[in-house]
Amino acid sequence: MAKEKTEGEGAVAVEDQPAAVDQGGAAGQAGQQRQQPVQLQVDDSDAMALYANFCRVTGSPEELIIDFGLNPQPIGVPKDPIQVKQRIIVNFYTAKRLLAALQMSVHRHEQVFGVLETDIQKRLRVQQQ
C-alpha cells in the first residue's frame, strides 16, 4: 500500500497500484523481496469538498459502492428521503486500503481528543425542565 503525507495534517493517500519491489539483484538472495517507499504526487486542485453525515455501503462480489448524502434530520427517522449526492465505486483491494487509512486517521484523532461515540443517543444531553 502506498501512503503519502499530503498537505493536510496527518493526511494519507491510498493508491491502487503495487509498491515498487526490489528483487535483490546480484547482491541479494533469490526469493527475497523488499518494498521501496513510493512517493505519490496528488493534484487535488479540481477536487470538490462536500459534507456528508450519511453513508451507505452496498456492492457486488467484485466491487463496493459507497454512497454519501446529507441527512437533514440526523436524530430519529427522517421524514424525507436522504438524497445521495456522491457515489464512489471501488474494488475490494482499494476498499481494504481505504479502511486501513480511515482506521489510522480515527485512531490518531481519538488519541488526541478522546474516544468517538458513534451512538447518537449516548451523545445527546437530556434537557431538564
Protein backbone atom coordinates (compact mmCIF):
# COMPACT_ATOMS: atom_id res chain seq x y z
CA MET A 1 0.00 0.00 0.00
CA ALA A 2 1.39 3.37 -0.96
CA LYS A 3 0.87 6.15 1.55
CA GLU A 4 1.88 9.75 1.31
CA LYS A 5 1.69 12.70 3.63
CA THR A 6 -0.24 15.36 1.78
CA GLU A 7 -0.80 19.00 2.65
CA GLY A 8 -3.46 18.24 5.30
CA GLU A 9 -2.09 17.35 8.73
CA GLY A 10 -1.95 13.57 9.02
CA ALA A 11 -3.48 13.03 5.57
CA VAL A 12 -2.93 9.63 3.97
CA ALA A 13 -3.14 8.81 0.27
CA VAL A 14 -4.44 5.40 -0.81
CA GLU A 15 -3.27 4.06 -4.16
CA ASP A 16 -4.44 1.00 -6.09
CA GLN A 17 -1.00 0.21 -7.51
CA PRO A 18 1.58 -2.18 -6.06
CA ALA A 19 4.64 -0.64 -4.43
CA ALA A 20 7.97 -0.99 -6.20
CA VAL A 21 9.71 -4.26 -5.35
CA ASP A 22 13.49 -4.77 -5.29
CA GLN A 23 14.29 -8.29 -6.50
CA GLY A 24 17.65 -8.22 -4.70
CA GLY A 25 19.91 -8.08 -7.76
CA ALA A 26 23.30 -9.79 -7.64
CA ALA A 27 23.85 -8.78 -4.02
CA GLY A 28 20.52 -10.18 -2.77
CA GLN A 29 19.40 -13.76 -2.29
CA ALA A 30 16.85 -15.33 -4.63
CA GLY A 31 13.27 -15.08 -3.38
CA GLN A 32 13.83 -12.10 -1.07
CA GLN A 33 11.78 -9.03 -1.89
CA ARG A 34 11.98 -5.62 -0.30
CA GLN A 35 9.39 -2.89 -0.77
CA GLN A 36 10.69 0.57 -1.57
CA PRO A 37 8.82 3.66 -0.37
CA VAL A 38 6.64 5.17 -3.08
CA GLN A 39 6.20 8.93 -3.35
CA LEU A 40 2.87 9.91 -4.88
CA GLN A 41 2.12 13.30 -6.31
CA VAL A 42 -1.53 14.17 -5.76
CA ASP A 43 -3.18 17.06 -7.60
CA ASP A 44 -6.36 17.94 -5.73
CA SER A 45 -6.81 21.37 -7.31
CA ASP A 46 -10.06 20.27 -9.03
CA ALA A 47 -11.46 18.36 -6.04
CA MET A 48 -14.88 19.37 -4.75
CA ALA A 49 -15.34 19.31 -0.99
CA LEU A 50 -18.85 18.35 0.09
CA TYR A 51 -20.20 17.48 3.53
CA ALA A 52 -21.93 14.18 4.28
CA ASN A 53 -23.42 12.87 7.52
CA PHE A 54 -24.87 9.74 5.89
CA CYS A 55 -23.08 6.84 4.26
CA ARG A 56 -24.45 3.66 2.69
CA VAL A 57 -22.28 0.78 1.52
CA THR A 58 -23.56 -1.79 -0.97
CA GLY A 59 -21.81 -3.85 -3.56
CA SER A 60 -21.23 -6.90 -5.62
CA PRO A 61 -18.70 -9.74 -5.38
CA GLU A 62 -16.22 -7.55 -7.30
CA GLU A 63 -16.68 -4.01 -6.01
CA LEU A 64 -18.13 -1.80 -3.30
CA ILE A 65 -20.46 1.13 -3.88
CA ILE A 66 -20.19 3.85 -1.25
CA ASP A 67 -22.94 6.48 -1.31
CA PHE A 68 -22.67 9.76 0.60
CA GLY A 69 -25.52 12.12 1.41
CA LEU A 70 -26.86 14.69 3.80
CA ASN A 71 -29.48 13.71 6.36
CA PRO A 72 -31.23 16.96 7.32
CA GLN A 73 -32.76 15.24 10.37
CA PRO A 74 -29.91 13.29 12.00
CA ILE A 75 -31.92 12.46 15.14
CA GLY A 76 -34.77 9.99 14.73
CA VAL A 77 -36.17 8.70 11.46
CA PRO A 78 -36.02 11.25 8.62
CA LYS A 79 -39.39 12.31 7.18
CA ASP A 80 -37.99 12.86 3.70
CA PRO A 81 -35.70 10.55 1.72
CA ILE A 82 -31.98 11.17 2.15
CA GLN A 83 -30.56 12.46 -1.11
CA VAL A 84 -27.36 10.75 -2.19
CA LYS A 85 -25.07 13.38 -3.72
CA GLN A 86 -21.85 11.41 -4.20
CA ARG A 87 -21.12 7.81 -5.11
CA ILE A 88 -17.71 6.16 -5.11
CA ILE A 89 -17.19 2.70 -6.59
CA VAL A 90 -14.03 0.85 -5.57
CA ASN A 91 -12.66 -2.65 -5.83
CA PHE A 92 -12.12 -4.61 -2.62
CA TYR A 93 -8.34 -4.05 -2.65
CA THR A 94 -8.82 -0.29 -2.64
CA ALA A 95 -11.60 -0.64 -0.05
CA LYS A 96 -9.24 -2.51 2.28
CA ARG A 97 -6.55 0.15 1.89
CA LEU A 98 -9.18 2.85 2.49
CA LEU A 99 -10.32 1.01 5.64
CA ALA A 100 -6.74 0.94 6.96
CA ALA A 101 -6.24 4.65 6.21
CA LEU A 102 -9.54 5.58 7.91
CA GLN A 103 -8.75 3.41 10.95
CA MET A 104 -5.33 5.07 11.28
CA SER A 105 -6.83 8.57 11.00
CA VAL A 106 -9.63 7.89 13.52
CA HIS A 107 -7.12 6.30 15.93
CA ARG A 108 -4.91 9.41 15.75
CA HIS A 109 -7.93 11.66 16.35
CA GLU A 110 -9.06 9.62 19.36
CA GLN A 111 -5.56 9.69 20.84
CA VAL A 112 -5.71 13.49 20.87
CA PHE A 113 -9.40 14.22 21.51
CA GLY A 114 -10.78 11.08 23.18
CA VAL A 115 -12.95 8.19 22.05
CA LEU A 116 -15.66 8.96 19.50
CA GLU A 117 -19.11 7.73 20.50
CA THR A 118 -20.98 6.67 17.35
CA ASP A 119 -24.33 6.08 19.09
CA ILE A 120 -26.04 9.47 18.87
CA GLN A 121 -28.42 8.55 21.72
CA LYS A 122 -25.44 8.27 24.07
CA ARG A 123 -24.14 11.68 22.93
CA LEU A 124 -27.40 13.57 23.48
CA ARG A 125 -27.82 15.54 26.66
CA VAL A 126 -31.26 15.43 28.24
CA GLN A 127 -32.60 18.90 28.99
CA GLN A 128 -34.03 19.31 32.47
CA GLN A 129 -37.29 21.25 32.70
